């Protein structure tokens, strides 16, 4: 199951905003095992 929490929601909003912007470029940073890959793949699936 995919769990939602505050930072994950903020990151998804930012990724969505990046893709909605014609010039969008986003830096997504977090330490190892912070959930970046899961978050990115969940976003791409949408």
ModelCIF file with pLDDT and N, C-alpha, C, O atoms, coordinates in Angstrom:
data_MODEL
#
_entry.id   MODEL 
#
_entity.id                         1 
_entity.type                       polymer 
_entity.pdbx_number_of_molecules   1 
#
_entity_poly.entity_id                      1 
_entity_poly.type                           'polypeptide(L)' 
_entity_poly.nstd_linkage                   no 
_entity_poly.nstd_monomer                   no 
_entity_poly.pdbx_seq_one_letter_code       
;(UNK)(UNK)(UNK)(UNK)(UNK)(UNK)(UNK)(UNK)(UNK)(UNK)(UNK)(UNK)(UNK)(UNK)(UNK)(UNK)
(UNK)(UNK)(UNK)(UNK)(UNK)(UNK)(UNK)(UNK)(UNK)(UNK)(UNK)(UNK)(UNK)(UNK)(UNK)(UNK)
(UNK)(UNK)(UNK)(UNK)(UNK)(UNK)(UNK)(UNK)(UNK)(UNK)(UNK)(UNK)(UNK)(UNK)
;
_entity_poly.pdbx_seq_one_letter_code_can   XXXXXXXXXXXXXXXXXXXXXXXXXXXXXXXXXXXXXXXXXXXXXX 
_entity_poly.pdbx_strand_id                 A 
#
loop_
_entity_poly_seq.entity_id 
_entity_poly_seq.num 
_entity_poly_seq.mon_id 
_entity_poly_seq.hetero 
1 1  UNK n 
1 2  UNK n 
1 3  UNK n 
1 4  UNK n 
1 5  UNK n 
1 6  UNK n 
1 7  UNK n 
1 8  UNK n 
1 9  UNK n 
1 10 UNK n 
1 11 UNK n 
1 12 UNK n 
1 13 UNK n 
1 14 UNK n 
1 15 UNK n 
1 16 UNK n 
1 17 UNK n 
1 18 UNK n 
1 19 UNK n 
1 20 UNK n 
1 21 UNK n 
1 22 UNK n 
1 23 UNK n 
1 24 UNK n 
1 25 UNK n 
1 26 UNK n 
1 27 UNK n 
1 28 UNK n 
1 29 UNK n 
1 30 UNK n 
1 31 UNK n 
1 32 UNK n 
1 33 UNK n 
1 34 UNK n 
1 35 UNK n 
1 36 UNK n 
1 37 UNK n 
1 38 UNK n 
1 39 UNK n 
1 40 UNK n 
1 41 UNK n 
1 42 UNK n 
1 43 UNK n 
1 44 UNK n 
1 45 UNK n 
1 46 UNK n 
#
_struct_asym.id          A 
_struct_asym.entity_id   1 
#
loop_
_ma_qa_metric.id 
_ma_qa_metric.mode 
_ma_qa_metric.name 
_ma_qa_metric.software_group_id 
_ma_qa_metric.type 
1 global pLDDT . pLDDT 
2 local  pLDDT . pLDDT 
#
_ma_qa_metric_global.metric_id      1 
_ma_qa_metric_global.metric_value   92.04 
_ma_qa_metric_global.model_id       1 
_ma_qa_metric_global.ordinal_id     1 
#
loop_
_ma_qa_metric_local.label_asym_id 
_ma_qa_metric_local.label_comp_id 
_ma_qa_metric_local.label_seq_id 
_ma_qa_metric_local.metric_id 
_ma_qa_metric_local.metric_value 
_ma_qa_metric_local.model_id 
_ma_qa_metric_local.ordinal_id 
A UNK 1  2 83.00 1 1  
A UNK 2  2 81.00 1 2  
A UNK 3  2 84.00 1 3  
A UNK 4  2 88.00 1 4  
A UNK 5  2 92.00 1 5  
A UNK 6  2 88.00 1 6  
A UNK 7  2 91.00 1 7  
A UNK 8  2 93.00 1 8  
A UNK 9  2 91.00 1 9  
A UNK 10 2 90.00 1 10 
A UNK 11 2 94.00 1 11 
A UNK 12 2 94.00 1 12 
A UNK 13 2 91.00 1 13 
A UNK 14 2 92.00 1 14 
A UNK 15 2 95.00 1 15 
A UNK 16 2 93.00 1 16 
A UNK 17 2 91.00 1 17 
A UNK 18 2 92.00 1 18 
A UNK 19 2 93.00 1 19 
A UNK 20 2 90.00 1 20 
A UNK 21 2 88.00 1 21 
A UNK 22 2 83.00 1 22 
A UNK 23 2 88.00 1 23 
A UNK 24 2 90.00 1 24 
A UNK 25 2 95.00 1 25 
A UNK 26 2 95.00 1 26 
A UNK 27 2 95.00 1 27 
A UNK 28 2 97.00 1 28 
A UNK 29 2 95.00 1 29 
A UNK 30 2 96.00 1 30 
A UNK 31 2 95.00 1 31 
A UNK 32 2 95.00 1 32 
A UNK 33 2 95.00 1 33 
A UNK 34 2 95.00 1 34 
A UNK 35 2 93.00 1 35 
A UNK 36 2 96.00 1 36 
A UNK 37 2 93.00 1 37 
A UNK 38 2 92.00 1 38 
A UNK 39 2 94.00 1 39 
A UNK 40 2 96.00 1 40 
A UNK 41 2 93.00 1 41 
A UNK 42 2 92.00 1 42 
A UNK 43 2 96.00 1 43 
A UNK 44 2 95.00 1 44 
A UNK 45 2 93.00 1 45 
A UNK 46 2 93.00 1 46 
#
loop_
_atom_site.group_PDB 
_atom_site.id 
_atom_site.type_symbol 
_atom_site.label_atom_id 
_atom_site.label_alt_id 
_atom_site.label_comp_id 
_atom_site.label_asym_id 
_atom_site.label_entity_id 
_atom_site.label_seq_id 
_atom_site.pdbx_PDB_ins_code 
_atom_site.Cartn_x 
_atom_site.Cartn_y 
_atom_site.Cartn_z 
_atom_site.occupancy 
_atom_site.B_iso_or_equiv 
_atom_site.pdbx_formal_charge 
_atom_site.auth_seq_id 
_atom_site.auth_comp_id 
_atom_site.auth_asym_id 
_atom_site.auth_atom_id 
_atom_site.pdbx_PDB_model_num 
ATOM 1   N N  . UNK A 1 1  ? 0.850  -1.181 0.000   1.00 83.00 ? 1  UNK A N  1 
ATOM 2   C CA . UNK A 1 1  ? 0.000  0.000  0.000   1.00 83.00 ? 1  UNK A CA 1 
ATOM 3   C C  . UNK A 1 1  ? 0.886  1.231  0.000   1.00 83.00 ? 1  UNK A C  1 
ATOM 4   O O  . UNK A 1 1  ? 2.019  1.193  0.481   1.00 83.00 ? 1  UNK A O  1 
ATOM 5   N N  . UNK A 1 2  ? 0.364  2.326  -0.543  1.00 81.00 ? 2  UNK A N  1 
ATOM 6   C CA . UNK A 1 2  ? 1.102  3.591  -0.577  1.00 81.00 ? 2  UNK A CA 1 
ATOM 7   C C  . UNK A 1 2  ? 0.570  4.475  0.540   1.00 81.00 ? 2  UNK A C  1 
ATOM 8   O O  . UNK A 1 2  ? -0.620 4.785  0.587   1.00 81.00 ? 2  UNK A O  1 
ATOM 9   N N  . UNK A 1 3  ? 1.452  4.874  1.427   1.00 84.00 ? 3  UNK A N  1 
ATOM 10  C CA . UNK A 1 3  ? 1.065  5.670  2.580   1.00 84.00 ? 3  UNK A CA 1 
ATOM 11  C C  . UNK A 1 3  ? 1.369  7.139  2.355   1.00 84.00 ? 3  UNK A C  1 
ATOM 12  O O  . UNK A 1 3  ? 2.413  7.495  1.810   1.00 84.00 ? 3  UNK A O  1 
ATOM 13  N N  . UNK A 1 4  ? 0.455  7.973  2.775   1.00 88.00 ? 4  UNK A N  1 
ATOM 14  C CA . UNK A 1 4  ? 0.640  9.415  2.608   1.00 88.00 ? 4  UNK A CA 1 
ATOM 15  C C  . UNK A 1 4  ? 1.074  10.042 3.925   1.00 88.00 ? 4  UNK A C  1 
ATOM 16  O O  . UNK A 1 4  ? 0.530  9.729  4.984   1.00 88.00 ? 4  UNK A O  1 
ATOM 17  N N  . UNK A 1 5  ? 2.051  10.921 3.850   1.00 92.00 ? 5  UNK A N  1 
ATOM 18  C CA . UNK A 1 5  ? 2.470  11.705 5.002   1.00 92.00 ? 5  UNK A CA 1 
ATOM 19  C C  . UNK A 1 5  ? 2.873  13.083 4.488   1.00 92.00 ? 5  UNK A C  1 
ATOM 20  O O  . UNK A 1 5  ? 2.967  13.296 3.280   1.00 92.00 ? 5  UNK A O  1 
ATOM 21  N N  . UNK A 1 6  ? 3.108  14.006 5.396   1.00 88.00 ? 6  UNK A N  1 
ATOM 22  C CA . UNK A 1 6  ? 3.215  15.412 5.007   1.00 88.00 ? 6  UNK A CA 1 
ATOM 23  C C  . UNK A 1 6  ? 4.278  15.660 3.951   1.00 88.00 ? 6  UNK A C  1 
ATOM 24  O O  . UNK A 1 6  ? 3.982  16.265 2.920   1.00 88.00 ? 6  UNK A O  1 
ATOM 25  N N  . UNK A 1 7  ? 5.500  15.214 4.175   1.00 91.00 ? 7  UNK A N  1 
ATOM 26  C CA . UNK A 1 7  ? 6.576  15.506 3.230   1.00 91.00 ? 7  UNK A CA 1 
ATOM 27  C C  . UNK A 1 7  ? 6.322  14.833 1.889   1.00 91.00 ? 7  UNK A C  1 
ATOM 28  O O  . UNK A 1 7  ? 6.659  15.384 0.841   1.00 91.00 ? 7  UNK A O  1 
ATOM 29  N N  . UNK A 1 8  ? 5.722  13.630 1.919   1.00 93.00 ? 8  UNK A N  1 
ATOM 30  C CA . UNK A 1 8  ? 5.397  12.945 0.674   1.00 93.00 ? 8  UNK A CA 1 
ATOM 31  C C  . UNK A 1 8  ? 4.374  13.730 -0.126  1.00 93.00 ? 8  UNK A C  1 
ATOM 32  O O  . UNK A 1 8  ? 4.492  13.840 -1.347  1.00 93.00 ? 8  UNK A O  1 
ATOM 33  N N  . UNK A 1 9  ? 3.366  14.280 0.551   1.00 91.00 ? 9  UNK A N  1 
ATOM 34  C CA . UNK A 1 9  ? 2.343  15.088 -0.137  1.00 91.00 ? 9  UNK A CA 1 
ATOM 35  C C  . UNK A 1 9  ? 2.956  16.355 -0.716  1.00 91.00 ? 9  UNK A C  1 
ATOM 36  O O  . UNK A 1 9  ? 2.651  16.742 -1.844  1.00 91.00 ? 9  UNK A O  1 
ATOM 37  N N  . UNK A 1 10 ? 3.819  16.997 0.061   1.00 90.00 ? 10 UNK A N  1 
ATOM 38  C CA . UNK A 1 10 ? 4.477  18.198 -0.444  1.00 90.00 ? 10 UNK A CA 1 
ATOM 39  C C  . UNK A 1 10 ? 5.310  17.884 -1.682  1.00 90.00 ? 10 UNK A C  1 
ATOM 40  O O  . UNK A 1 10 ? 5.287  18.635 -2.658  1.00 90.00 ? 10 UNK A O  1 
ATOM 41  N N  . UNK A 1 11 ? 6.046  16.772 -1.642  1.00 94.00 ? 11 UNK A N  1 
ATOM 42  C CA . UNK A 1 11 ? 6.888  16.402 -2.777  1.00 94.00 ? 11 UNK A CA 1 
ATOM 43  C C  . UNK A 1 11 ? 6.053  16.094 -4.013  1.00 94.00 ? 11 UNK A C  1 
ATOM 44  O O  . UNK A 1 11 ? 6.425  16.481 -5.121  1.00 94.00 ? 11 UNK A O  1 
ATOM 45  N N  . UNK A 1 12 ? 4.930  15.403 -3.837  1.00 94.00 ? 12 UNK A N  1 
ATOM 46  C CA . UNK A 1 12 ? 4.065  15.104 -4.974  1.00 94.00 ? 12 UNK A CA 1 
ATOM 47  C C  . UNK A 1 12 ? 3.481  16.382 -5.570  1.00 94.00 ? 12 UNK A C  1 
ATOM 48  O O  . UNK A 1 12 ? 3.369  16.507 -6.789  1.00 94.00 ? 12 UNK A O  1 
ATOM 49  N N  . UNK A 1 13 ? 3.113  17.322 -4.716  1.00 91.00 ? 13 UNK A N  1 
ATOM 50  C CA . UNK A 1 13 ? 2.608  18.617 -5.217  1.00 91.00 ? 13 UNK A CA 1 
ATOM 51  C C  . UNK A 1 13 ? 3.679  19.325 -6.039  1.00 91.00 ? 13 UNK A C  1 
ATOM 52  O O  . UNK A 1 13 ? 3.390  19.901 -7.087  1.00 91.00 ? 13 UNK A O  1 
ATOM 53  N N  . UNK A 1 14 ? 4.910  19.276 -5.556  1.00 92.00 ? 14 UNK A N  1 
ATOM 54  C CA . UNK A 1 14 ? 6.011  19.941 -6.238  1.00 92.00 ? 14 UNK A CA 1 
ATOM 55  C C  . UNK A 1 14 ? 6.317  19.272 -7.572  1.00 92.00 ? 14 UNK A C  1 
ATOM 56  O O  . UNK A 1 14 ? 6.572  19.952 -8.566  1.00 92.00 ? 14 UNK A O  1 
ATOM 57  N N  . UNK A 1 15 ? 6.294  17.936 -7.596  1.00 95.00 ? 15 UNK A N  1 
ATOM 58  C CA . UNK A 1 15 ? 6.510  17.228 -8.852  1.00 95.00 ? 15 UNK A CA 1 
ATOM 59  C C  . UNK A 1 15 ? 5.405  17.548 -9.852  1.00 95.00 ? 15 UNK A C  1 
ATOM 60  O O  . UNK A 1 15 ? 5.670  17.742 -11.038 1.00 95.00 ? 15 UNK A O  1 
ATOM 61  N N  . UNK A 1 16 ? 4.161  17.602 -9.367  1.00 93.00 ? 16 UNK A N  1 
ATOM 62  C CA . UNK A 1 16 ? 3.057  17.959 -10.245 1.00 93.00 ? 16 UNK A CA 1 
ATOM 63  C C  . UNK A 1 16 ? 3.191  19.371 -10.779 1.00 93.00 ? 16 UNK A C  1 
ATOM 64  O O  . UNK A 1 16 ? 2.920  19.626 -11.952 1.00 93.00 ? 16 UNK A O  1 
ATOM 65  N N  . UNK A 1 17 ? 3.610  20.290 -9.918  1.00 91.00 ? 17 UNK A N  1 
ATOM 66  C CA . UNK A 1 17 ? 3.807  21.672 -10.333 1.00 91.00 ? 17 UNK A CA 1 
ATOM 67  C C  . UNK A 1 17 ? 4.931  21.771 -11.362 1.00 91.00 ? 17 UNK A C  1 
ATOM 68  O O  . UNK A 1 17 ? 4.851  22.552 -12.311 1.00 91.00 ? 17 UNK A O  1 
ATOM 69  N N  . UNK A 1 18 ? 5.970  20.977 -11.165 1.00 92.00 ? 18 UNK A N  1 
ATOM 70  C CA . UNK A 1 18 ? 7.091  20.970 -12.113 1.00 92.00 ? 18 UNK A CA 1 
ATOM 71  C C  . UNK A 1 18 ? 6.634  20.512 -13.492 1.00 92.00 ? 18 UNK A C  1 
ATOM 72  O O  . UNK A 1 18 ? 7.000  21.113 -14.503 1.00 92.00 ? 18 UNK A O  1 
ATOM 73  N N  . UNK A 1 19 ? 5.836  19.451 -13.535 1.00 93.00 ? 19 UNK A N  1 
ATOM 74  C CA . UNK A 1 19 ? 5.376  18.933 -14.825 1.00 93.00 ? 19 UNK A CA 1 
ATOM 75  C C  . UNK A 1 19 ? 4.328  19.835 -15.469 1.00 93.00 ? 19 UNK A C  1 
ATOM 76  O O  . UNK A 1 19 ? 4.150  19.810 -16.687 1.00 93.00 ? 19 UNK A O  1 
ATOM 77  N N  . UNK A 1 20 ? 3.638  20.625 -14.660 1.00 90.00 ? 20 UNK A N  1 
ATOM 78  C CA . UNK A 1 20 ? 2.638  21.542 -15.215 1.00 90.00 ? 20 UNK A CA 1 
ATOM 79  C C  . UNK A 1 20 ? 3.273  22.797 -15.790 1.00 90.00 ? 20 UNK A C  1 
ATOM 80  O O  . UNK A 1 20 ? 2.645  23.512 -16.572 1.00 90.00 ? 20 UNK A O  1 
ATOM 81  N N  . UNK A 1 21 ? 4.517  23.068 -15.407 1.00 88.00 ? 21 UNK A N  1 
ATOM 82  C CA . UNK A 1 21 ? 5.221  24.267 -15.866 1.00 88.00 ? 21 UNK A CA 1 
ATOM 83  C C  . UNK A 1 21 ? 6.015  23.955 -17.127 1.00 88.00 ? 21 UNK A C  1 
ATOM 84  O O  . UNK A 1 21 ? 6.756  22.974 -17.170 1.00 88.00 ? 21 UNK A O  1 
ATOM 85  N N  . UNK A 1 22 ? 5.864  24.771 -18.135 1.00 83.00 ? 22 UNK A N  1 
ATOM 86  C CA . UNK A 1 22 ? 6.539  24.516 -19.406 1.00 83.00 ? 22 UNK A CA 1 
ATOM 87  C C  . UNK A 1 22 ? 8.063  24.501 -19.241 1.00 83.00 ? 22 UNK A C  1 
ATOM 88  O O  . UNK A 1 22 ? 8.759  23.839 -20.011 1.00 83.00 ? 22 UNK A O  1 
ATOM 89  N N  . UNK A 1 23 ? 8.578  25.216 -18.259 1.00 88.00 ? 23 UNK A N  1 
ATOM 90  C CA . UNK A 1 23 ? 10.021 25.285 -18.028 1.00 88.00 ? 23 UNK A CA 1 
ATOM 91  C C  . UNK A 1 23 ? 10.427 24.542 -16.755 1.00 88.00 ? 23 UNK A C  1 
ATOM 92  O O  . UNK A 1 23 ? 11.483 24.814 -16.184 1.00 88.00 ? 23 UNK A O  1 
ATOM 93  N N  . UNK A 1 24 ? 9.585  23.603 -16.313 1.00 90.00 ? 24 UNK A N  1 
ATOM 94  C CA . UNK A 1 24 ? 9.773  22.985 -15.008 1.00 90.00 ? 24 UNK A CA 1 
ATOM 95  C C  . UNK A 1 24 ? 11.069 22.208 -14.853 1.00 90.00 ? 24 UNK A C  1 
ATOM 96  O O  . UNK A 1 24 ? 11.421 21.389 -15.703 1.00 90.00 ? 24 UNK A O  1 
ATOM 97  N N  . UNK A 1 25 ? 11.773 22.471 -13.764 1.00 95.00 ? 25 UNK A N  1 
ATOM 98  C CA . UNK A 1 25 ? 12.945 21.693 -13.345 1.00 95.00 ? 25 UNK A CA 1 
ATOM 99  C C  . UNK A 1 25 ? 12.946 21.675 -11.832 1.00 95.00 ? 25 UNK A C  1 
ATOM 100 O O  . UNK A 1 25 ? 12.859 22.718 -11.185 1.00 95.00 ? 25 UNK A O  1 
ATOM 101 N N  . UNK A 1 26 ? 13.046 20.476 -11.274 1.00 95.00 ? 26 UNK A N  1 
ATOM 102 C CA . UNK A 1 26 ? 12.913 20.307 -9.828  1.00 95.00 ? 26 UNK A CA 1 
ATOM 103 C C  . UNK A 1 26 ? 14.104 19.550 -9.268  1.00 95.00 ? 26 UNK A C  1 
ATOM 104 O O  . UNK A 1 26 ? 14.583 18.595 -9.880  1.00 95.00 ? 26 UNK A O  1 
ATOM 105 N N  . UNK A 1 27 ? 14.580 19.973 -8.110  1.00 95.00 ? 27 UNK A N  1 
ATOM 106 C CA . UNK A 1 27 ? 15.591 19.232 -7.356  1.00 95.00 ? 27 UNK A CA 1 
ATOM 107 C C  . UNK A 1 27 ? 14.884 18.524 -6.214  1.00 95.00 ? 27 UNK A C  1 
ATOM 108 O O  . UNK A 1 27 ? 14.211 19.168 -5.409  1.00 95.00 ? 27 UNK A O  1 
ATOM 109 N N  . UNK A 1 28 ? 15.026 17.204 -6.133  1.00 97.00 ? 28 UNK A N  1 
ATOM 110 C CA . UNK A 1 28 ? 14.414 16.404 -5.069  1.00 97.00 ? 28 UNK A CA 1 
ATOM 111 C C  . UNK A 1 28 ? 15.533 15.703 -4.314  1.00 97.00 ? 28 UNK A C  1 
ATOM 112 O O  . UNK A 1 28 ? 16.211 14.828 -4.852  1.00 97.00 ? 28 UNK A O  1 
ATOM 113 N N  . UNK A 1 29 ? 15.717 16.105 -3.045  1.00 95.00 ? 29 UNK A N  1 
ATOM 114 C CA . UNK A 1 29 ? 16.841 15.611 -2.273  1.00 95.00 ? 29 UNK A CA 1 
ATOM 115 C C  . UNK A 1 29 ? 16.373 14.959 -0.972  1.00 95.00 ? 29 UNK A C  1 
ATOM 116 O O  . UNK A 1 29 ? 15.430 15.423 -0.331  1.00 95.00 ? 29 UNK A O  1 
ATOM 117 N N  . UNK A 1 30 ? 17.040 13.897 -0.604  1.00 96.00 ? 30 UNK A N  1 
ATOM 118 C CA . UNK A 1 30 ? 16.734 13.202 0.633   1.00 96.00 ? 30 UNK A CA 1 
ATOM 119 C C  . UNK A 1 30 ? 17.759 12.105 0.830   1.00 96.00 ? 30 UNK A C  1 
ATOM 120 O O  . UNK A 1 30 ? 18.245 11.547 -0.154  1.00 96.00 ? 30 UNK A O  1 
ATOM 121 N N  . UNK A 1 31 ? 18.105 11.776 2.063   1.00 95.00 ? 31 UNK A N  1 
ATOM 122 C CA . UNK A 1 31 ? 19.147 10.767 2.301   1.00 95.00 ? 31 UNK A CA 1 
ATOM 123 C C  . UNK A 1 31 ? 18.726 9.381  1.822   1.00 95.00 ? 31 UNK A C  1 
ATOM 124 O O  . UNK A 1 31 ? 17.568 9.166  1.466   1.00 95.00 ? 31 UNK A O  1 
ATOM 125 N N  . UNK A 1 32 ? 19.664 8.453  1.816   1.00 95.00 ? 32 UNK A N  1 
ATOM 126 C CA . UNK A 1 32 ? 19.375 7.067  1.451   1.00 95.00 ? 32 UNK A CA 1 
ATOM 127 C C  . UNK A 1 32 ? 18.225 6.538  2.303   1.00 95.00 ? 32 UNK A C  1 
ATOM 128 O O  . UNK A 1 32 ? 18.191 6.756  3.514   1.00 95.00 ? 32 UNK A O  1 
ATOM 129 N N  . UNK A 1 33 ? 17.276 5.836  1.662   1.00 95.00 ? 33 UNK A N  1 
ATOM 130 C CA . UNK A 1 33 ? 16.109 5.243  2.311   1.00 95.00 ? 33 UNK A CA 1 
ATOM 131 C C  . UNK A 1 33 ? 15.119 6.281  2.831   1.00 95.00 ? 33 UNK A C  1 
ATOM 132 O O  . UNK A 1 33 ? 14.365 6.019  3.769   1.00 95.00 ? 33 UNK A O  1 
ATOM 133 N N  . UNK A 1 34 ? 15.129 7.469  2.208   1.00 95.00 ? 34 UNK A N  1 
ATOM 134 C CA . UNK A 1 34 ? 14.157 8.497  2.582   1.00 95.00 ? 34 UNK A CA 1 
ATOM 135 C C  . UNK A 1 34 ? 12.872 8.395  1.776   1.00 95.00 ? 34 UNK A C  1 
ATOM 136 O O  . UNK A 1 34 ? 11.927 9.142  2.027   1.00 95.00 ? 34 UNK A O  1 
ATOM 137 N N  . UNK A 1 35 ? 12.821 7.480  0.810   1.00 93.00 ? 35 UNK A N  1 
ATOM 138 C CA . UNK A 1 35 ? 11.593 7.269  0.047   1.00 93.00 ? 35 UNK A CA 1 
ATOM 139 C C  . UNK A 1 35 ? 11.553 7.946  -1.305  1.00 93.00 ? 35 UNK A C  1 
ATOM 140 O O  . UNK A 1 35 ? 10.483 8.031  -1.908  1.00 93.00 ? 35 UNK A O  1 
ATOM 141 N N  . UNK A 1 36 ? 12.690 8.437  -1.811  1.00 96.00 ? 36 UNK A N  1 
ATOM 142 C CA . UNK A 1 36 ? 12.699 9.170  -3.083  1.00 96.00 ? 36 UNK A CA 1 
ATOM 143 C C  . UNK A 1 36 ? 12.247 8.298  -4.253  1.00 96.00 ? 36 UNK A C  1 
ATOM 144 O O  . UNK A 1 36 ? 11.389 8.702  -5.037  1.00 96.00 ? 36 UNK A O  1 
ATOM 145 N N  . UNK A 1 37 ? 12.826 7.104  -4.368  1.00 93.00 ? 37 UNK A N  1 
ATOM 146 C CA . UNK A 1 37 ? 12.519 6.251  -5.519  1.00 93.00 ? 37 UNK A CA 1 
ATOM 147 C C  . UNK A 1 37 ? 11.056 5.831  -5.525  1.00 93.00 ? 37 UNK A C  1 
ATOM 148 O O  . UNK A 1 37 ? 10.402 5.875  -6.567  1.00 93.00 ? 37 UNK A O  1 
ATOM 149 N N  . UNK A 1 38 ? 10.538 5.426  -4.370  1.00 92.00 ? 38 UNK A N  1 
ATOM 150 C CA . UNK A 1 38 ? 9.128  5.050  -4.286  1.00 92.00 ? 38 UNK A CA 1 
ATOM 151 C C  . UNK A 1 38 ? 8.238  6.213  -4.670  1.00 92.00 ? 38 UNK A C  1 
ATOM 152 O O  . UNK A 1 38 ? 7.273  6.052  -5.417  1.00 92.00 ? 38 UNK A O  1 
ATOM 153 N N  . UNK A 1 39 ? 8.569  7.390  -4.154  1.00 94.00 ? 39 UNK A N  1 
ATOM 154 C CA . UNK A 1 39 ? 7.786  8.580  -4.454  1.00 94.00 ? 39 UNK A CA 1 
ATOM 155 C C  . UNK A 1 39 ? 7.809  8.897  -5.947  1.00 94.00 ? 39 UNK A C  1 
ATOM 156 O O  . UNK A 1 39 ? 6.769  9.197  -6.533  1.00 94.00 ? 39 UNK A O  1 
ATOM 157 N N  . UNK A 1 40 ? 8.989  8.830  -6.564  1.00 96.00 ? 40 UNK A N  1 
ATOM 158 C CA . UNK A 1 40 ? 9.113  9.148  -7.987  1.00 96.00 ? 40 UNK A CA 1 
ATOM 159 C C  . UNK A 1 40 ? 8.317  8.160  -8.840  1.00 96.00 ? 40 UNK A C  1 
ATOM 160 O O  . UNK A 1 40 ? 7.618  8.569  -9.768  1.00 96.00 ? 40 UNK A O  1 
ATOM 161 N N  . UNK A 1 41 ? 8.416  6.876  -8.538  1.00 93.00 ? 41 UNK A N  1 
ATOM 162 C CA . UNK A 1 41 ? 7.690  5.888  -9.325  1.00 93.00 ? 41 UNK A CA 1 
ATOM 163 C C  . UNK A 1 41 ? 6.181  6.004  -9.124  1.00 93.00 ? 41 UNK A C  1 
ATOM 164 O O  . UNK A 1 41 ? 5.414  5.801  -10.066 1.00 93.00 ? 41 UNK A O  1 
ATOM 165 N N  . UNK A 1 42 ? 5.751  6.329  -7.910  1.00 92.00 ? 42 UNK A N  1 
ATOM 166 C CA . UNK A 1 42 ? 4.324  6.551  -7.670  1.00 92.00 ? 42 UNK A CA 1 
ATOM 167 C C  . UNK A 1 42 ? 3.829  7.756  -8.459  1.00 92.00 ? 42 UNK A C  1 
ATOM 168 O O  . UNK A 1 42 ? 2.728  7.733  -9.010  1.00 92.00 ? 42 UNK A O  1 
ATOM 169 N N  . UNK A 1 43 ? 4.644  8.809  -8.513  1.00 96.00 ? 43 UNK A N  1 
ATOM 170 C CA . UNK A 1 43 ? 4.247  9.996  -9.273  1.00 96.00 ? 43 UNK A CA 1 
ATOM 171 C C  . UNK A 1 43 ? 4.171  9.693  -10.765 1.00 96.00 ? 43 UNK A C  1 
ATOM 172 O O  . UNK A 1 43 ? 3.202  10.064 -11.429 1.00 96.00 ? 43 UNK A O  1 
ATOM 173 N N  . UNK A 1 44 ? 5.185  9.023  -11.289 1.00 95.00 ? 44 UNK A N  1 
ATOM 174 C CA . UNK A 1 44 ? 5.213  8.710  -12.720 1.00 95.00 ? 44 UNK A CA 1 
ATOM 175 C C  . UNK A 1 44 ? 4.004  7.857  -13.108 1.00 95.00 ? 44 UNK A C  1 
ATOM 176 O O  . UNK A 1 44 ? 3.490  7.980  -14.220 1.00 95.00 ? 44 UNK A O  1 
ATOM 177 N N  . UNK A 1 45 ? 3.552  6.996  -12.200 1.00 93.00 ? 45 UNK A N  1 
ATOM 178 C CA . UNK A 1 45 ? 2.392  6.141  -12.487 1.00 93.00 ? 45 UNK A CA 1 
ATOM 179 C C  . UNK A 1 45 ? 1.120  6.951  -12.662 1.00 93.00 ? 45 UNK A C  1 
ATOM 180 O O  . UNK A 1 45 ? 0.158  6.458  -13.251 1.00 93.00 ? 45 UNK A O  1 
ATOM 181 N N  . UNK A 1 46 ? 1.089  8.190  -12.163 1.00 93.00 ? 46 UNK A N  1 
ATOM 182 C CA . UNK A 1 46 ? -0.106 9.031  -12.292 1.00 93.00 ? 46 UNK A CA 1 
ATOM 183 C C  . UNK A 1 46 ? -0.132 9.831  -13.594 1.00 93.00 ? 46 UNK A C  1 
ATOM 184 O O  . UNK A 1 46 ? -1.076 10.582 -13.839 1.00 93.00 ? 46 UNK A O  1 
#
